[in-house]
Amino acid sequence: MTKINEEKVLARGLKGPGVLLLVKKRLAEEGEKPRYLRVIISSLDAVEELSDYLEKLGIKTERDRAGNDYHLIADLKDLKHFKDVD
């Protein structure tokens, strides 16, 4: 189910580091952020890596599966300024 004020990031076919870089790039962009960021991923390992990273930032996440894809939904409500923690 799509949430209100949600942006989708398609990361199908990317491995863990590629998914992480794609999301970091989106979070670092200037301007208003959506409330929710839905990342569509085809690798469970990439889901785990991204989920761990977002938890370090204090971002709550939900996971879902749709066919062969995994959906990781990040709640960006409390994200004021993005700072990479790697």
N, C-alpha and C. Protein backbone atom coordinates (compact mmCIF):
# COMPACT_ATOMS: atom_id res chain seq x y z
N MET A 1 0.84 -1.17 0.00
CA MET A 1 0.00 0.00 0.00
C MET A 1 0.88 1.24 0.00
N THR A 2 0.60 2.17 -0.86
CA THR A 2 1.35 3.41 -0.95
C THR A 2 0.93 4.35 0.17
N LYS A 3 1.92 4.97 0.79
CA LYS A 3 1.64 5.90 1.87
C LYS A 3 1.57 7.32 1.30
N ILE A 4 0.91 8.21 2.01
CA ILE A 4 0.82 9.60 1.60
C ILE A 4 2.20 10.23 1.73
N ASN A 5 2.58 11.08 0.77
CA ASN A 5 3.88 11.74 0.73
C ASN A 5 5.01 10.72 0.71
N GLU A 6 4.91 9.79 -0.24
CA GLU A 6 5.90 8.74 -0.38
C GLU A 6 6.61 8.86 -1.72
N GLU A 7 7.90 8.68 -1.70
CA GLU A 7 8.70 8.67 -2.92
C GLU A 7 9.28 7.27 -3.11
N LYS A 8 9.26 6.78 -4.35
CA LYS A 8 9.81 5.46 -4.65
C LYS A 8 11.20 5.59 -5.26
N VAL A 9 12.08 4.70 -4.82
CA VAL A 9 13.42 4.60 -5.39
C VAL A 9 13.55 3.18 -5.91
N LEU A 10 13.73 3.05 -7.22
CA LEU A 10 13.86 1.72 -7.82
C LEU A 10 15.33 1.31 -7.80
N ALA A 11 15.62 0.23 -7.09
CA ALA A 11 17.00 -0.25 -6.96
C ALA A 11 17.09 -1.72 -7.37
N ARG A 12 16.15 -2.17 -8.18
CA ARG A 12 16.16 -3.56 -8.63
C ARG A 12 17.46 -3.87 -9.36
N GLY A 13 18.01 -5.05 -9.08
CA GLY A 13 19.21 -5.50 -9.77
C GLY A 13 20.51 -4.99 -9.17
N LEU A 14 20.44 -4.02 -8.26
CA LEU A 14 21.65 -3.52 -7.62
C LEU A 14 22.02 -4.38 -6.42
N LYS A 15 23.30 -4.53 -6.19
CA LYS A 15 23.79 -5.23 -5.00
C LYS A 15 23.82 -4.23 -3.85
N GLY A 16 24.13 -4.71 -2.64
CA GLY A 16 24.11 -3.90 -1.43
C GLY A 16 24.75 -2.53 -1.54
N PRO A 17 26.02 -2.44 -1.96
CA PRO A 17 26.66 -1.12 -2.00
C PRO A 17 25.97 -0.16 -2.98
N GLY A 18 25.47 -0.68 -4.08
CA GLY A 18 24.78 0.17 -5.06
C GLY A 18 23.49 0.73 -4.51
N VAL A 19 22.73 -0.10 -3.80
CA VAL A 19 21.47 0.35 -3.18
C VAL A 19 21.78 1.42 -2.14
N LEU A 20 22.78 1.16 -1.32
CA LEU A 20 23.16 2.09 -0.26
C LEU A 20 23.59 3.44 -0.85
N LEU A 21 24.39 3.42 -1.90
CA LEU A 21 24.84 4.66 -2.53
C LEU A 21 23.67 5.43 -3.14
N LEU A 22 22.74 4.72 -3.76
CA LEU A 22 21.57 5.36 -4.36
C LEU A 22 20.73 6.07 -3.29
N VAL A 23 20.52 5.42 -2.17
CA VAL A 23 19.72 6.01 -1.08
C VAL A 23 20.47 7.17 -0.44
N LYS A 24 21.77 7.02 -0.22
CA LYS A 24 22.56 8.12 0.36
C LYS A 24 22.49 9.35 -0.54
N LYS A 25 22.59 9.14 -1.85
CA LYS A 25 22.52 10.25 -2.79
C LYS A 25 21.18 10.97 -2.68
N ARG A 26 20.09 10.19 -2.57
CA ARG A 26 18.76 10.80 -2.46
C ARG A 26 18.62 11.57 -1.16
N LEU A 27 19.12 11.01 -0.07
CA LEU A 27 19.00 11.67 1.23
C LEU A 27 19.84 12.95 1.29
N ALA A 28 20.94 12.99 0.55
CA ALA A 28 21.83 14.14 0.57
C ALA A 28 21.33 15.28 -0.31
N GLU A 29 20.35 15.02 -1.18
CA GLU A 29 19.85 16.06 -2.07
C GLU A 29 19.21 17.19 -1.28
N GLU A 30 19.42 18.39 -1.78
CA GLU A 30 18.82 19.57 -1.16
C GLU A 30 17.31 19.58 -1.40
N GLY A 31 16.63 20.34 -0.59
CA GLY A 31 15.19 20.49 -0.79
C GLY A 31 14.39 19.63 0.17
N GLU A 32 13.10 19.70 -0.02
CA GLU A 32 12.17 18.99 0.85
C GLU A 32 12.24 17.48 0.63
N LYS A 33 12.24 16.76 1.71
CA LYS A 33 12.26 15.30 1.65
C LYS A 33 10.82 14.78 1.79
N PRO A 34 10.55 13.65 1.18
CA PRO A 34 9.23 13.05 1.39
C PRO A 34 9.14 12.53 2.82
N ARG A 35 7.95 12.27 3.28
CA ARG A 35 7.78 11.67 4.61
C ARG A 35 8.29 10.23 4.59
N TYR A 36 7.97 9.51 3.52
CA TYR A 36 8.37 8.11 3.40
C TYR A 36 9.20 7.91 2.13
N LEU A 37 10.20 7.06 2.24
CA LEU A 37 11.01 6.68 1.09
C LEU A 37 10.87 5.17 0.93
N ARG A 38 10.28 4.74 -0.19
CA ARG A 38 10.09 3.31 -0.45
C ARG A 38 11.18 2.88 -1.44
N VAL A 39 12.04 1.98 -1.00
CA VAL A 39 13.13 1.49 -1.83
C VAL A 39 12.76 0.08 -2.28
N ILE A 40 12.70 -0.11 -3.59
CA ILE A 40 12.34 -1.41 -4.16
C ILE A 40 13.62 -2.11 -4.55
N ILE A 41 13.86 -3.27 -3.91
CA ILE A 41 15.15 -3.96 -3.98
C ILE A 41 14.91 -5.42 -4.35
N SER A 42 15.83 -6.01 -5.09
CA SER A 42 15.68 -7.41 -5.48
C SER A 42 16.58 -8.36 -4.67
N SER A 43 17.38 -7.84 -3.77
CA SER A 43 18.31 -8.66 -3.00
C SER A 43 18.04 -8.53 -1.49
N LEU A 44 17.83 -9.65 -0.84
CA LEU A 44 17.60 -9.62 0.61
C LEU A 44 18.82 -9.09 1.35
N ASP A 45 20.02 -9.42 0.88
CA ASP A 45 21.25 -8.91 1.51
C ASP A 45 21.28 -7.38 1.46
N ALA A 46 20.86 -6.80 0.34
CA ALA A 46 20.83 -5.35 0.20
C ALA A 46 19.80 -4.73 1.14
N VAL A 47 18.69 -5.42 1.33
CA VAL A 47 17.66 -4.95 2.27
C VAL A 47 18.24 -4.89 3.68
N GLU A 48 18.93 -5.95 4.06
CA GLU A 48 19.53 -6.02 5.40
C GLU A 48 20.56 -4.91 5.59
N GLU A 49 21.43 -4.71 4.60
CA GLU A 49 22.47 -3.69 4.69
C GLU A 49 21.86 -2.29 4.79
N LEU A 50 20.87 -2.01 3.97
CA LEU A 50 20.23 -0.70 4.00
C LEU A 50 19.47 -0.49 5.31
N SER A 51 18.78 -1.50 5.76
CA SER A 51 18.04 -1.41 7.03
C SER A 51 18.99 -1.11 8.19
N ASP A 52 20.11 -1.80 8.25
CA ASP A 52 21.10 -1.55 9.31
C ASP A 52 21.62 -0.12 9.26
N TYR A 53 21.92 0.34 8.05
CA TYR A 53 22.43 1.70 7.87
C TYR A 53 21.40 2.73 8.35
N LEU A 54 20.15 2.58 7.92
CA LEU A 54 19.12 3.55 8.30
C LEU A 54 18.87 3.54 9.80
N GLU A 55 18.96 2.38 10.43
CA GLU A 55 18.79 2.31 11.88
C GLU A 55 19.87 3.10 12.60
N LYS A 56 21.10 3.10 12.05
CA LYS A 56 22.18 3.90 12.64
C LYS A 56 21.87 5.38 12.57
N LEU A 57 21.09 5.78 11.58
CA LEU A 57 20.68 7.18 11.44
C LEU A 57 19.46 7.51 12.31
N GLY A 58 18.88 6.49 12.93
CA GLY A 58 17.68 6.68 13.75
C GLY A 58 16.41 6.70 12.94
N ILE A 59 16.45 6.16 11.73
CA ILE A 59 15.29 6.13 10.85
C ILE A 59 14.56 4.80 11.01
N LYS A 60 13.28 4.84 11.28
CA LYS A 60 12.47 3.64 11.41
C LYS A 60 12.16 3.09 10.03
N THR A 61 12.17 1.76 9.91
CA THR A 61 11.89 1.13 8.62
C THR A 61 10.86 0.02 8.77
N GLU A 62 10.19 -0.25 7.68
CA GLU A 62 9.28 -1.40 7.55
C GLU A 62 9.74 -2.17 6.33
N ARG A 63 9.50 -3.48 6.35
CA ARG A 63 9.83 -4.31 5.19
C ARG A 63 8.59 -5.03 4.72
N ASP A 64 8.57 -5.26 3.40
CA ASP A 64 7.46 -5.99 2.80
C ASP A 64 8.02 -6.72 1.60
N ARG A 65 7.28 -7.69 1.12
CA ARG A 65 7.70 -8.43 -0.07
C ARG A 65 6.55 -8.42 -1.06
N ALA A 66 6.88 -8.13 -2.32
CA ALA A 66 5.89 -8.13 -3.40
C ALA A 66 6.50 -8.91 -4.56
N GLY A 67 6.05 -10.13 -4.74
CA GLY A 67 6.62 -10.98 -5.79
C GLY A 67 8.08 -11.26 -5.50
N ASN A 68 8.95 -10.94 -6.45
CA ASN A 68 10.39 -11.15 -6.26
C ASN A 68 11.09 -9.96 -5.65
N ASP A 69 10.37 -8.89 -5.40
CA ASP A 69 10.96 -7.67 -4.87
C ASP A 69 10.71 -7.53 -3.38
N TYR A 70 11.64 -6.84 -2.75
CA TYR A 70 11.50 -6.44 -1.35
C TYR A 70 11.26 -4.94 -1.34
N HIS A 71 10.39 -4.50 -0.46
CA HIS A 71 10.13 -3.07 -0.30
C HIS A 71 10.57 -2.68 1.10
N LEU A 72 11.49 -1.74 1.17
CA LEU A 72 11.91 -1.21 2.45
C LEU A 72 11.38 0.22 2.50
N ILE A 73 10.56 0.49 3.50
CA ILE A 73 9.93 1.81 3.64
C ILE A 73 10.57 2.50 4.83
N ALA A 74 11.21 3.64 4.55
CA ALA A 74 11.89 4.43 5.58
C ALA A 74 11.02 5.62 5.95
N ASP A 75 10.80 5.81 7.24
CA ASP A 75 10.03 6.94 7.75
C ASP A 75 11.01 8.08 8.03
N LEU A 76 11.00 9.09 7.18
CA LEU A 76 11.96 10.19 7.28
C LEU A 76 11.46 11.34 8.16
N LYS A 77 10.42 11.10 8.91
CA LYS A 77 9.80 12.15 9.73
C LYS A 77 10.83 12.87 10.61
N ASP A 78 11.72 12.15 11.24
CA ASP A 78 12.67 12.74 12.18
C ASP A 78 14.01 13.10 11.56
N LEU A 79 14.16 12.92 10.26
CA LEU A 79 15.42 13.24 9.60
C LEU A 79 15.44 14.72 9.24
N LYS A 80 16.21 15.50 9.96
CA LYS A 80 16.30 16.94 9.71
C LYS A 80 17.40 17.23 8.69
N HIS A 81 18.60 16.77 9.00
CA HIS A 81 19.75 16.98 8.13
C HIS A 81 20.45 15.65 7.97
N PHE A 82 20.69 15.25 6.74
CA PHE A 82 21.37 13.99 6.47
C PHE A 82 22.86 14.15 6.69
N LYS A 83 23.43 13.23 7.47
CA LYS A 83 24.87 13.17 7.67
C LYS A 83 25.26 11.70 7.56
N ASP A 84 26.13 11.39 6.63
CA ASP A 84 26.56 10.01 6.40
C ASP A 84 27.28 9.49 7.65
N VAL A 85 26.93 8.28 8.08
CA VAL A 85 27.52 7.70 9.28
C VAL A 85 28.55 6.61 8.99
N ASP A 86 28.90 6.41 7.73
CA ASP A 86 29.90 5.39 7.41
C ASP A 86 31.30 5.84 7.72
